[in-house]
Amino acid sequence: MKVFTRDYRITGEYPTPFSGYTAGLRPCVFDIETSGIDSSRSRVILTAMLTMTENGVRITQFLAENHYEEGKVLNATCDFMKRENIGYLITFNGASFDLPFYNKRADVNFEEEIRLYNFDLYRFLRGNTDLAHRIGSLSQKSLENYYGIASDRQDTISGRESIALFDEYSMSGNSTLEKIILTHNREDVLQLHRLMFLSLDEPEDFDSAIAKYGFPVLDGSYTVRPSLVKGKKMLRICGDQIKNPVSAAYFPDFGSPLTSVFNAETALYEIDAPAGRLDDDFYIDADALGLGLSDDPDCVNGFVVLSPRTINLVSAKIAESVIRGMRL
């Protein structure tokens, strides 16, 4: 296995409001190359991680020199994420391909799986914008063309071509083939990093969009996907238990009006909090729930008026409170 690093003096920190939902978590733009698309037979042959530095970004790559070094690549990737204290991943279609494929191969090789919050830009844009209708495709290269950065790419091959080139490289060790494979993988994460700056303002209401997608809480161990169920006058908070899922259930009593259900098998959870209504506005009794939001501009006499922003704020606070109490 070979290790490669390259530094770039380009912007590192992501813009608000996205950065507000991931504050305190170290991001990593992540991409893999494989020997095929079937995770039961194909292997991970190359990984790329783009991380922030004081002067810009750094791309680290782990390349298998043949088809039998997959375990080394997986182990090195996991060790890197631990060593760099990675808090969440940024991928493009990673929720459907990269992470399921990687974790399947980790199971086969008896290596550790990746259990981190994943912001899949493809899935986020597909679910919250009309970009696919406007530009005809939501492939990464289509987006690069749309935002005018396609010409910044230094590679000349596709992921499919990379598979064939690796077969030849694994037998010959040819340095030119190695450079071509590495460049394609490196350009994928570098361009995805650029797309994060160019595309996150596409949703008309980012707070509503990130609520629909889900945002991380408690150091990225859980996600929050809140929604206001107006007919039931209820704030419903759903999400994923990313790390160490548990099963538990809590029902309203004199100490708390919340209903909470955690399922270890599905790694999901759901919390229901009662909401009040005054005319067309809904609100949460933040003081009664001990949320500590008296300084928020939308908190009046201990009650928080619910808007897309405050729904997310209140939901994060409630989820954190329930989960911390559950851990006692």
C-alpha atoms as a PDB file:
ATOM      1  CA  MET A   1       0.000   0.000   0.000  1.00  0.00           C
ATOM      2  CA  LYS A   2       1.165   3.522  -0.785  1.00  0.00           C
ATOM      3  CA  VAL A   3       0.326   6.803   0.964  1.00  0.00           C
ATOM      4  CA  PHE A   4       0.153  10.165  -0.805  1.00  0.00           C
ATOM      5  CA  THR A   5      -0.513  13.685   0.496  1.00  0.00           C
ATOM      6  CA  ARG A   6      -0.918  17.002  -1.274  1.00  0.00           C
ATOM      7  CA  ASP A   7      -1.641  20.471   0.135  1.00  0.00           C
ATOM      8  CA  TYR A   8      -3.669  23.241  -1.504  1.00  0.00           C
ATOM      9  CA  ARG A   9      -3.840  26.888  -0.499  1.00  0.00           C
ATOM     10  CA  ILE A  10      -7.567  27.296  -1.002  1.00  0.00           C
ATOM     11  CA  THR A  11     -10.470  28.232   1.253  1.00  0.00           C
ATOM     12  CA  GLY A  12     -11.082  25.733   4.014  1.00  0.00           C
ATOM     13  CA  GLU A  13     -14.041  26.667   6.221  1.00  0.00           C
ATOM     14  CA  TYR A  14     -17.544  26.111   4.865  1.00  0.00           C
ATOM     15  CA  PRO A  15     -20.045  28.985   4.741  1.00  0.00           C
ATOM     16  CA  THR A  16     -22.931  29.602   7.085  1.00  0.00           C
ATOM     17  CA  PRO A  17     -25.597  28.506   7.717  1.00  0.00           C
ATOM     18  CA  PHE A  18     -24.194  25.006   7.038  1.00  0.00           C
ATOM     19  CA  SER A  19     -21.225  25.546   9.343  1.00  0.00           C
ATOM     20  CA  GLY A  20     -23.590  26.468  12.157  1.00  0.00           C
ATOM     21  CA  TYR A  21     -25.104  22.971  12.091  1.00  0.00           C
ATOM     22  CA  THR A  22     -21.712  21.249  12.124  1.00  0.00           C
ATOM     23  CA  ALA A  23     -19.891  23.582  14.532  1.00  0.00           C
ATOM     24  CA  GLY A  24     -17.215  21.851  16.564  1.00  0.00           C
ATOM     25  CA  LEU A  25     -16.988  18.870  14.208  1.00  0.00           C
ATOM     26  CA  ARG A  26     -13.963  18.371  11.945  1.00  0.00           C
ATOM     27  CA  PRO A  27     -15.050  17.688   8.348  1.00  0.00           C
ATOM     28  CA  CYS A  28     -13.555  15.251   5.862  1.00  0.00           C
ATOM     29  CA  VAL A  29     -14.441  15.111   2.167  1.00  0.00           C
ATOM     30  CA  PHE A  30     -14.384  11.387   1.390  1.00  0.00           C
ATOM     31  CA  ASP A  31     -14.315   9.304  -1.793  1.00  0.00           C
ATOM     32  CA  ILE A  32     -13.376   5.748  -2.674  1.00  0.00           C
ATOM     33  CA  GLU A  33     -12.353   3.909  -5.820  1.00  0.00           C
ATOM     34  CA  THR A  34     -13.266   0.255  -6.199  1.00  0.00           C
ATOM     35  CA  SER A  35     -12.462  -2.669  -8.467  1.00  0.00           C
ATOM     36  CA  GLY A  36     -16.149  -2.935  -9.447  1.00  0.00           C
ATOM     37  CA  ILE A  37     -19.653  -2.047  -8.295  1.00  0.00           C
ATOM     38  CA  ASP A  38     -20.598  -5.298  -6.537  1.00  0.00           C
ATOM     39  CA  SER A  39     -19.453  -4.990  -2.917  1.00  0.00           C
ATOM     40  CA  SER A  40     -19.756  -8.751  -2.370  1.00  0.00           C
ATOM     41  CA  ARG A  41     -17.009  -9.420  -4.912  1.00  0.00           C
ATOM     42  CA  SER A  42     -15.266  -6.127  -5.702  1.00  0.00           C
ATOM     43  CA  ARG A  43     -12.773  -4.382  -3.440  1.00  0.00           C
ATOM     44  CA  VAL A  44     -11.815  -0.944  -2.178  1.00  0.00           C
ATOM     45  CA  ILE A  45      -8.569  -0.076  -3.949  1.00  0.00           C
ATOM     46  CA  LEU A  46      -8.152   3.618  -3.118  1.00  0.00           C
ATOM     47  CA  THR A  47      -9.493   6.152  -0.624  1.00  0.00           C
ATOM     48  CA  ALA A  48      -9.154   9.930  -0.541  1.00  0.00           C
ATOM     49  CA  MET A  49      -9.697  12.237   2.444  1.00  0.00           C
ATOM     50  CA  LEU A  50      -9.673  16.024   2.145  1.00  0.00           C
ATOM     51  CA  THR A  51      -9.183  17.772   5.487  1.00  0.00           C
ATOM     52  CA  MET A  52      -8.662  21.357   6.646  1.00  0.00           C
ATOM     53  CA  THR A  53      -5.236  22.783   7.482  1.00  0.00           C
ATOM     54  CA  GLU A  54      -4.111  26.179   8.797  1.00  0.00           C
ATOM     55  CA  ASN A  55      -3.282  27.282   5.258  1.00  0.00           C
ATOM     56  CA  GLY A  56      -5.984  25.547   3.236  1.00  0.00           C
ATOM     57  CA  VAL A  57      -6.719  21.870   2.680  1.00  0.00           C
ATOM     58  CA  ARG A  58      -4.782  18.609   2.468  1.00  0.00           C
ATOM     59  CA  ILE A  59      -5.685  15.493   0.494  1.00  0.00           C
ATOM     60  CA  THR A  60      -4.494  12.144   1.839  1.00  0.00           C
ATOM     61  CA  GLN A  61      -4.785   9.008  -0.279  1.00  0.00           C
ATOM     62  CA  PHE A  62      -4.248   5.323   0.477  1.00  0.00           C
ATOM     63  CA  LEU A  63      -3.643   3.222  -2.636  1.00  0.00           C
ATOM     64  CA  ALA A  64      -3.563  -0.574  -2.807  1.00  0.00           C
ATOM     65  CA  GLU A  65      -0.728  -1.801  -5.019  1.00  0.00           C
ATOM     66  CA  ASN A  66      -2.706  -4.912  -5.915  1.00  0.00           C
ATOM     67  CA  HIS A  67      -6.098  -6.548  -5.294  1.00  0.00           C
ATOM     68  CA  TYR A  68      -4.865  -8.168  -2.085  1.00  0.00           C
ATOM     69  CA  GLU A  69      -4.108  -4.997  -0.142  1.00  0.00           C
ATOM     70  CA  GLU A  70      -7.700  -3.951   0.482  1.00  0.00           C
ATOM     71  CA  GLY A  71      -7.426  -4.666   4.217  1.00  0.00           C
ATOM     72  CA  LYS A  72      -4.416  -2.367   4.492  1.00  0.00           C
ATOM     73  CA  VAL A  73      -6.316   0.459   2.774  1.00  0.00           C
ATOM     74  CA  LEU A  74      -9.359   0.013   5.017  1.00  0.00           C
ATOM     75  CA  ASN A  75      -7.286  -0.111   8.191  1.00  0.00           C
ATOM     76  CA  ALA A  76      -5.220   2.927   7.215  1.00  0.00           C
ATOM     77  CA  THR A  77      -8.367   4.905   6.346  1.00  0.00           C
ATOM     78  CA  CYS A  78     -10.024   4.148   9.676  1.00  0.00           C
ATOM     79  CA  ASP A  79      -6.829   4.943  11.604  1.00  0.00           C
ATOM     80  CA  PHE A  80      -6.525   8.230   9.730  1.00  0.00           C
ATOM     81  CA  MET A  81     -10.046   9.307  10.669  1.00  0.00           C
ATOM     82  CA  LYS A  82      -9.400   8.522  14.314  1.00  0.00           C
ATOM     83  CA  ARG A  83      -6.012  10.237  14.346  1.00  0.00           C
ATOM     84  CA  GLU A  84      -7.395  13.347  12.623  1.00  0.00           C
ATOM     85  CA  ASN A  85     -10.442  13.405  14.924  1.00  0.00           C
ATOM     86  CA  ILE A  86     -12.853  13.458  11.980  1.00  0.00           C
ATOM     87  CA  GLY A  87     -16.338  14.440  13.123  1.00  0.00           C
ATOM     88  CA  TYR A  88     -18.315  14.058   9.901  1.00  0.00           C
ATOM     89  CA  LEU A  89     -17.966  13.156   6.237  1.00  0.00           C
ATOM     90  CA  ILE A  90     -18.879  15.001   3.057  1.00  0.00           C
ATOM     91  CA  THR A  91     -19.580  12.716   0.098  1.00  0.00           C
ATOM     92  CA  PHE A  92     -21.297  12.724  -3.275  1.00  0.00           C
ATOM     93  CA  ASN A  93     -23.761   9.837  -3.449  1.00  0.00           C
ATOM     94  CA  GLY A  94     -21.804   8.375  -0.552  1.00  0.00           C
ATOM     95  CA  ALA A  95     -24.957   7.395   1.329  1.00  0.00           C
ATOM     96  CA  SER A  96     -25.881   4.994  -1.464  1.00  0.00           C
ATOM     97  CA  PHE A  97     -22.455   3.851  -2.635  1.00  0.00           C
ATOM     98  CA  ASP A  98     -19.224   4.838  -0.858  1.00  0.00           C
ATOM     99  CA  LEU A  99     -20.182   4.175   2.752  1.00  0.00           C
ATOM    100  CA  PRO A 100     -22.303   1.009   2.245  1.00  0.00           C
ATOM    101  CA  PHE A 101     -19.578  -0.386  -0.029  1.00  0.00           C
ATOM    102  CA  TYR A 102     -16.768   0.531   2.377  1.00  0.00           C
ATOM    103  CA  ASN A 103     -18.570  -0.919   5.403  1.00  0.00           C
ATOM    104  CA  LYS A 104     -19.448  -4.121   3.546  1.00  0.00           C
ATOM    105  CA  ARG A 105     -15.789  -4.620   2.680  1.00  0.00           C
ATOM    106  CA  ALA A 106     -14.783  -3.737   6.246  1.00  0.00           C
ATOM    107  CA  ASP A 107     -17.014  -6.573   7.475  1.00  0.00           C
ATOM    108  CA  VAL A 108     -15.447  -8.979   4.993  1.00  0.00           C
ATOM    109  CA  ASN A 109     -11.929  -7.985   6.086  1.00  0.00           C
ATOM    110  CA  PHE A 110     -12.772  -7.890   9.804  1.00  0.00           C
ATOM    111  CA  GLU A 111     -11.887  -4.205   9.878  1.00  0.00           C
ATOM    112  CA  GLU A 112     -13.733  -1.401  11.652  1.00  0.00           C
ATOM    113  CA  GLU A 113     -16.676   0.234   9.888  1.00  0.00           C
ATOM    114  CA  ILE A 114     -17.036   3.994   9.442  1.00  0.00           C
ATOM    115  CA  ARG A 115     -19.772   5.305  11.739  1.00  0.00           C
ATOM    116  CA  LEU A 116     -19.912   9.073  11.192  1.00  0.00           C
ATOM    117  CA  TYR A 117     -22.503  11.642  10.168  1.00  0.00           C
ATOM    118  CA  ASN A 118     -22.437  11.829   6.384  1.00  0.00           C
ATOM    119  CA  PHE A 119     -23.474  14.947   4.506  1.00  0.00           C
ATOM    120  CA  ASP A 120     -24.207  13.570   1.032  1.00  0.00           C
ATOM    121  CA  LEU A 121     -24.326  16.644  -1.181  1.00  0.00           C
ATOM    122  CA  TYR A 122     -26.001  14.726  -4.019  1.00  0.00           C
ATOM    123  CA  ARG A 123     -28.825  13.510  -1.769  1.00  0.00           C
ATOM    124  CA  PHE A 124     -29.203  16.956  -0.166  1.00  0.00           C
ATOM    125  CA  LEU A 125     -29.518  18.755  -3.521  1.00  0.00           C
ATOM    126  CA  ARG A 126     -31.778  16.090  -5.013  1.00  0.00           C
ATOM    127  CA  GLY A 127     -34.222  16.343  -2.118  1.00  0.00           C
ATOM    128  CA  ASN A 128     -34.242  20.111  -1.671  1.00  0.00           C
ATOM    129  CA  THR A 129     -33.694  21.790  -5.049  1.00  0.00           C
ATOM    130  CA  ASP A 130     -34.878  21.685  -8.647  1.00  0.00           C
ATOM    131  CA  LEU A 131     -31.320  21.499  -9.993  1.00  0.00           C
ATOM    132  CA  ALA A 132     -31.901  18.122 -11.652  1.00  0.00           C
ATOM    133  CA  HIS A 133     -34.791  19.649 -13.641  1.00  0.00           C
ATOM    134  CA  ARG A 134     -32.819  22.760 -14.550  1.00  0.00           C
ATOM    135  CA  ILE A 135     -29.553  21.153 -15.644  1.00  0.00           C
ATOM    136  CA  GLY A 136     -30.778  17.684 -16.655  1.00  0.00           C
ATOM    137  CA  SER A 137     -28.517  15.673 -14.363  1.00  0.00           C
ATOM    138  CA  LEU A 138     -27.196  15.751 -10.815  1.00  0.00           C
ATOM    139  CA  SER A 139     -23.958  13.934 -11.547  1.00  0.00           C
ATOM    140  CA  GLN A 140     -20.923  15.567 -10.000  1.00  0.00           C
ATOM    141  CA  LYS A 141     -19.485  16.469 -13.390  1.00  0.00           C
ATOM    142  CA  SER A 142     -22.814  18.008 -14.469  1.00  0.00           C
ATOM    143  CA  LEU A 143     -22.720  20.222 -11.380  1.00  0.00           C
ATOM    144  CA  GLU A 144     -19.104  21.134 -12.089  1.00  0.00           C
ATOM    145  CA  ASN A 145     -20.117  22.212 -15.595  1.00  0.00           C
ATOM    146  CA  TYR A 146     -23.106  24.158 -14.241  1.00  0.00           C
ATOM    147  CA  TYR A 147     -20.986  26.091 -11.736  1.00  0.00           C
ATOM    148  CA  GLY A 148     -18.140  26.640 -14.184  1.00  0.00           C
ATOM    149  CA  ILE A 149     -15.425  24.637 -12.446  1.00  0.00           C
ATOM    150  CA  ALA A 150     -15.216  21.619 -14.773  1.00  0.00           C
ATOM    151  CA  SER A 151     -12.168  23.124 -16.482  1.00  0.00           C
ATOM    152  CA  ASP A 152     -10.344  23.115 -13.124  1.00  0.00           C
ATOM    153  CA  ARG A 153     -10.128  19.315 -13.245  1.00  0.00           C
ATOM    154  CA  GLN A 154      -6.701  17.862 -13.931  1.00  0.00           C
ATOM    155  CA  ASP A 155      -7.856  14.291 -14.668  1.00  0.00           C
ATOM    156  CA  THR A 156      -8.987  12.772 -17.957  1.00  0.00           C
ATOM    157  CA  ILE A 157     -10.723   9.529 -16.950  1.00  0.00           C
ATOM    158  CA  SER A 158     -13.980   8.356 -15.408  1.00  0.00           C
ATOM    159  CA  GLY A 159     -14.494   6.082 -12.410  1.00  0.00           C
ATOM    160  CA  ARG A 160     -15.301   3.212 -14.756  1.00  0.00           C
ATOM    161  CA  GLU A 161     -12.040   3.719 -16.641  1.00  0.00           C
ATOM    162  CA  SER A 162     -10.192   3.794 -13.322  1.00  0.00           C
ATOM    163  CA  ILE A 163     -11.297   0.192 -12.663  1.00  0.00           C
ATOM    164  CA  ALA A 164      -9.689  -1.072 -15.877  1.00  0.00           C
ATOM    165  CA  LEU A 165      -6.542   0.967 -15.314  1.00  0.00           C
ATOM    166  CA  PHE A 166      -6.110  -0.458 -11.809  1.00  0.00           C
ATOM    167  CA  ASP A 167      -6.231  -4.013 -13.139  1.00  0.00           C
ATOM    168  CA  GLU A 168      -3.307  -3.138 -15.403  1.00  0.00           C
ATOM    169  CA  TYR A 169      -1.512  -1.189 -12.664  1.00  0.00           C
ATOM    170  CA  SER A 170      -1.774  -4.058 -10.169  1.00  0.00           C
ATOM    171  CA  MET A 171       0.179  -6.270 -12.568  1.00  0.00           C
ATOM    172  CA  SER A 172       2.714  -3.745 -13.863  1.00  0.00           C
ATOM    173  CA  GLY A 173       3.146  -1.140 -11.117  1.00  0.00           C
ATOM    174  CA  ASN A 174       3.414   1.423 -13.917  1.00  0.00           C
ATOM    175  CA  SER A 175       4.001   4.889 -12.417  1.00  0.00           C
ATOM    176  CA  THR A 176       2.068   6.653 -15.195  1.00  0.00           C
ATOM    177  CA  LEU A 177      -1.032   4.552 -14.530  1.00  0.00           C
ATOM    178  CA  GLU A 178      -0.594   5.194 -10.811  1.00  0.00           C
ATOM    179  CA  LYS A 179      -0.584   8.946 -11.396  1.00  0.00           C
ATOM    180  CA  ILE A 180      -3.705   8.798 -13.590  1.00  0.00           C
ATOM    181  CA  ILE A 181      -5.662   6.769 -10.991  1.00  0.00           C
ATOM    182  CA  LEU A 182      -4.565   9.000  -8.103  1.00  0.00           C
ATOM    183  CA  THR A 183      -5.349  12.206  -9.980  1.00  0.00           C
ATOM    184  CA  HIS A 184      -8.925  11.145 -10.766  1.00  0.00           C
ATOM    185  CA  ASN A 185      -9.608  10.242  -7.142  1.00  0.00           C
ATOM    186  CA  ARG A 186      -7.934  13.398  -5.827  1.00  0.00           C
ATOM    187  CA  GLU A 187      -9.839  15.655  -8.212  1.00  0.00           C
ATOM    188  CA  ASP A 188     -13.149  14.124  -7.122  1.00  0.00           C
ATOM    189  CA  VAL A 189     -12.712  15.251  -3.503  1.00  0.00           C
ATOM    190  CA  LEU A 190     -11.174  18.602  -4.448  1.00  0.00           C
ATOM    191  CA  GLN A 191     -14.063  19.437  -6.779  1.00  0.00           C
ATOM    192  CA  LEU A 192     -16.620  18.260  -4.224  1.00  0.00           C
ATOM    193  CA  HIS A 193     -15.029  20.604  -1.694  1.00  0.00           C
ATOM    194  CA  ARG A 194     -15.497  23.473  -4.169  1.00  0.00           C
ATOM    195  CA  LEU A 195     -19.113  22.473  -4.833  1.00  0.00           C
ATOM    196  CA  MET A 196     -19.856  22.842  -1.121  1.00  0.00           C
ATOM    197  CA  PHE A 197     -19.244  26.580  -1.475  1.00  0.00           C
ATOM    198  CA  LEU A 198     -21.130  26.941  -4.746  1.00  0.00           C
ATOM    199  CA  SER A 199     -24.298  24.927  -4.192  1.00  0.00           C
ATOM    200  CA  LEU A 200     -25.371  25.192  -0.541  1.00  0.00           C
ATOM    201  CA  ASP A 201     -27.398  28.335  -1.186  1.00  0.00           C
ATOM    202  CA  GLU A 202     -29.588  26.542  -3.756  1.00  0.00           C
ATOM    203  CA  PRO A 203     -32.392  25.654  -1.276  1.00  0.00           C
ATOM    204  CA  GLU A 204     -34.716  28.623  -0.708  1.00  0.00           C
ATOM    205  CA  ASP A 205     -34.829  27.875   3.032  1.00  0.00           C
ATOM    206  CA  PHE A 206     -31.649  26.187   4.247  1.00  0.00           C
ATOM    207  CA  ASP A 207     -33.002  25.597   7.769  1.00  0.00           C
ATOM    208  CA  SER A 208     -35.948  23.623   6.385  1.00  0.00           C
ATOM    209  CA  ALA A 209     -33.702  21.784   3.930  1.00  0.00           C
ATOM    210  CA  ILE A 210     -31.191  20.643   6.554  1.00  0.00           C
ATOM    211  CA  ALA A 211     -34.069  19.603   8.842  1.00  0.00           C
ATOM    212  CA  LYS A 212     -35.418  17.378   6.073  1.00  0.00           C
ATOM    213  CA  TYR A 213     -31.967  15.901   5.441  1.00  0.00           C
ATOM    214  CA  GLY A 214     -30.905  15.657   9.092  1.00  0.00           C
ATOM    215  CA  PHE A 215     -28.144  17.405  11.019  1.00  0.00           C
ATOM    216  CA  PRO A 216     -25.702  16.111  13.660  1.00  0.00           C
ATOM    217  CA  VAL A 217     -25.892  16.492  17.446  1.00  0.00           C
ATOM    218  CA  LEU A 218     -23.866  15.204  20.389  1.00  0.00           C
ATOM    219  CA  ASP A 219     -20.514  15.156  18.553  1.00  0.00           C
ATOM    220  CA  GLY A 220     -22.103  13.552  15.510  1.00  0.00           C
ATOM    221  CA  SER A 221     -23.291  10.463  17.378  1.00  0.00           C
ATOM    222  CA  TYR A 222     -26.929  11.206  16.466  1.00  0.00           C
ATOM    223  CA  THR A 223     -28.826  13.045  13.759  1.00  0.00           C
ATOM    224  CA  VAL A 224     -31.941  15.190  14.116  1.00  0.00           C
ATOM    225  CA  ARG A 225     -34.771  15.406  11.556  1.00  0.00           C
ATOM    226  CA  PRO A 226     -37.550  17.515  13.096  1.00  0.00           C
ATOM    227  CA  SER A 227     -41.016  18.323  11.789  1.00  0.00           C
ATOM    228  CA  LEU A 228     -43.981  20.218  13.187  1.00  0.00           C
ATOM    229  CA  VAL A 229     -47.116  18.048  13.151  1.00  0.00           C
ATOM    230  CA  LYS A 230     -49.622  20.877  13.206  1.00  0.00           C
ATOM    231  CA  GLY A 231     -52.777  18.735  13.364  1.00  0.00           C
ATOM    232  CA  LYS A 232     -51.546  17.066  16.549  1.00  0.00           C
ATOM    233  CA  LYS A 233     -49.874  20.208  17.926  1.00  0.00           C
ATOM    234  CA  MET A 234     -46.667  18.273  18.279  1.00  0.00           C
ATOM    235  CA  LEU A 235     -42.984  18.692  17.466  1.00  0.00           C
ATOM    236  CA  ARG A 236     -41.732  15.327  16.204  1.00  0.00           C
ATOM    237  CA  ILE A 237     -37.984  14.709  16.318  1.00  0.00           C
ATOM    238  CA  CYS A 238     -36.711  11.711  14.366  1.00  0.00           C
ATOM    239  CA  GLY A 239     -33.142  10.698  13.722  1.00  0.00           C
ATOM    240  CA  ASP A 240     -30.386   8.119  13.480  1.00  0.00           C
ATOM    241  CA  GLN A 241     -28.342   6.549  16.238  1.00  0.00           C
ATOM    242  CA  ILE A 242     -25.034   6.548  14.390  1.00  0.00           C
ATOM    243  CA  LYS A 243     -22.870   5.144  17.161  1.00  0.00           C
ATOM    244  CA  ASN A 244     -23.771   2.459  19.704  1.00  0.00           C
ATOM    245  CA  PRO A 245     -27.565   2.340  19.111  1.00  0.00           C
ATOM    246  CA  VAL A 246     -29.760   1.325  22.036  1.00  0.00           C
ATOM    247  CA  SER A 247     -33.376   0.324  22.600  1.00  0.00           C
ATOM    248  CA  ALA A 248     -35.418   2.293  25.134  1.00  0.00           C
ATOM    249  CA  ALA A 249     -38.849   3.849  25.571  1.00  0.00           C
ATOM    250  CA  TYR A 250     -40.013   6.738  27.787  1.00  0.00           C
ATOM    251  CA  PHE A 251     -43.545   8.036  28.210  1.00  0.00           C
ATOM    252  CA  PRO A 252     -44.990  11.291  29.615  1.00  0.00           C
ATOM    253  CA  ASP A 253     -45.137  11.607  33.385  1.00  0.00           C
ATOM    254  CA  PHE A 254     -45.065  14.360  35.997  1.00  0.00           C
ATOM    255  CA  GLY A 255     -41.389  14.967  35.277  1.00  0.00           C
ATOM    256  CA  SER A 256     -41.548  15.236  31.489  1.00  0.00           C
ATOM    257  CA  PRO A 257     -44.222  15.604  28.775  1.00  0.00           C
ATOM    258  CA  LEU A 258     -42.040  13.863  26.171  1.00  0.00           C
ATOM    259  CA  THR A 259     -42.551  10.511  24.486  1.00  0.00           C
ATOM    260  CA  SER A 260     -39.322   8.840  23.306  1.00  0.00           C
ATOM    261  CA  VAL A 261     -38.654   5.555  21.533  1.00  0.00           C
ATOM    262  CA  PHE A 262     -35.156   4.284  20.619  1.00  0.00           C
ATOM    263  CA  ASN A 263     -34.660   1.163  18.480  1.00  0.00           C
ATOM    264  CA  ALA A 264     -31.234  -0.515  18.407  1.00  0.00           C
ATOM    265  CA  GLU A 265     -32.162  -2.862  15.546  1.00  0.00           C
ATOM    266  CA  THR A 266     -33.064  -0.067  13.125  1.00  0.00           C
ATOM    267  CA  ALA A 267     -30.677   2.457  14.753  1.00  0.00           C
ATOM    268  CA  LEU A 268     -33.517   5.019  14.661  1.00  0.00           C
ATOM    269  CA  TYR A 269     -35.241   7.051  17.357  1.00  0.00           C
ATOM    270  CA  GLU A 270     -38.295   9.294  17.694  1.00  0.00           C
ATOM    271  CA  ILE A 271     -39.206  11.939  20.268  1.00  0.00           C
ATOM    272  CA  ASP A 272     -42.572  13.726  20.462  1.00  0.00           C
ATOM    273  CA  ALA A 273     -42.869  17.050  22.293  1.00  0.00           C
ATOM    274  CA  PRO A 274     -46.215  18.850  22.800  1.00  0.00           C
ATOM    275  CA  ALA A 275     -46.544  22.253  21.126  1.00  0.00           C
ATOM    276  CA  GLY A 276     -49.008  25.049  21.824  1.00  0.00           C
ATOM    277  CA  ARG A 277     -50.837  27.188  19.302  1.00  0.00           C
ATOM    278  CA  LEU A 278     -51.867  30.842  19.331  1.00  0.00           C
ATOM    279  CA  ASP A 279     -53.652  32.015  16.176  1.00  0.00           C
ATOM    280  CA  ASP A 280     -51.357  30.888  13.339  1.00  0.00           C
ATOM    281  CA  ASP A 281     -48.245  30.471  15.496  1.00  0.00           C
ATOM    282  CA  PHE A 282     -46.989  27.371  17.258  1.00  0.00           C
ATOM    283  CA  TYR A 283     -44.710  27.468  20.270  1.00  0.00           C
ATOM    284  CA  ILE A 284     -42.801  25.301  22.731  1.00  0.00           C
ATOM    285  CA  ASP A 285     -42.611  25.860  26.481  1.00  0.00           C
ATOM    286  CA  ALA A 286     -38.813  26.020  26.619  1.00  0.00           C
ATOM    287  CA  ASP A 287     -38.652  26.850  30.305  1.00  0.00           C
ATOM    288  CA  ALA A 288     -40.788  23.840  31.282  1.00  0.00           C
ATOM    289  CA  LEU A 289     -38.463  21.604  29.272  1.00  0.00           C
ATOM    290  CA  GLY A 290     -35.341  23.230  30.717  1.00  0.00           C
ATOM    291  CA  LEU A 291     -33.922  24.128  27.316  1.00  0.00           C
ATOM    292  CA  GLY A 292     -32.114  27.287  28.436  1.00  0.00           C
ATOM    293  CA  LEU A 293     -33.202  29.473  25.521  1.00  0.00           C
ATOM    294  CA  SER A 294     -34.145  32.648  27.386  1.00  0.00           C
ATOM    295  CA  ASP A 295     -31.595  34.675  25.387  1.00  0.00           C
ATOM    296  CA  ASP A 296     -32.950  33.615  22.005  1.00  0.00           C
ATOM    297  CA  PRO A 297     -34.702  36.493  20.173  1.00  0.00           C
ATOM    298  CA  ASP A 298     -37.735  34.272  19.505  1.00  0.00           C
ATOM    299  CA  CYS A 299     -38.135  33.296  23.160  1.00  0.00           C
ATOM    300  CA  VAL A 300     -40.820  35.328  24.975  1.00  0.00           C
ATOM    301  CA  ASN A 301     -41.561  34.675  28.652  1.00  0.00           C
ATOM    302  CA  GLY A 302     -40.034  31.210  28.357  1.00  0.00           C
ATOM    303  CA  PHE A 303     -41.956  30.237  25.206  1.00  0.00           C
ATOM    304  CA  VAL A 304     -40.207  29.830  21.841  1.00  0.00           C
ATOM    305  CA  VAL A 305     -42.190  30.664  18.707  1.00  0.00           C
ATOM    306  CA  LEU A 306     -41.558  27.907  16.174  1.00  0.00           C
ATOM    307  CA  SER A 307     -40.026  28.801  12.819  1.00  0.00           C
ATOM    308  CA  PRO A 308     -37.700  26.688  10.657  1.00  0.00           C
ATOM    309  CA  ARG A 309     -34.695  28.014  12.583  1.00  0.00           C
ATOM    310  CA  THR A 310     -36.145  27.596  16.065  1.00  0.00           C
ATOM    311  CA  ILE A 311     -37.646  24.193  15.250  1.00  0.00           C
ATOM    312  CA  ASN A 312     -34.106  22.980  14.567  1.00  0.00           C
ATOM    313  CA  LEU A 313     -32.694  24.733  17.628  1.00  0.00           C
ATOM    314  CA  VAL A 314     -35.366  23.417  19.996  1.00  0.00           C
ATOM    315  CA  SER A 315     -35.234  19.908  18.498  1.00  0.00           C
ATOM    316  CA  ALA A 316     -31.471  19.687  18.953  1.00  0.00           C
ATOM    317  CA  LYS A 317     -31.796  20.809  22.576  1.00  0.00           C
ATOM    318  CA  ILE A 318     -34.590  18.307  23.299  1.00  0.00           C
ATOM    319  CA  ALA A 319     -32.751  15.411  21.629  1.00  0.00           C
ATOM    320  CA  GLU A 320     -29.550  16.181  23.514  1.00  0.00           C
ATOM    321  CA  SER A 321     -31.422  16.431  26.816  1.00  0.00           C
ATOM    322  CA  VAL A 322     -33.242  13.112  26.333  1.00  0.00           C
ATOM    323  CA  ILE A 323     -30.144  11.245  25.177  1.00  0.00           C
ATOM    324  CA  ARG A 324     -27.961  12.571  27.968  1.00  0.00           C
ATOM    325  CA  GLY A 325     -30.628  11.653  30.510  1.00  0.00           C
ATOM    326  CA  MET A 326     -30.889   8.194  28.985  1.00  0.00           C
ATOM    327  CA  ARG A 327     -27.154   7.668  29.430  1.00  0.00           C
ATOM    328  CA  LEU A 328     -27.228   8.388  33.186  1.00  0.00           C
END
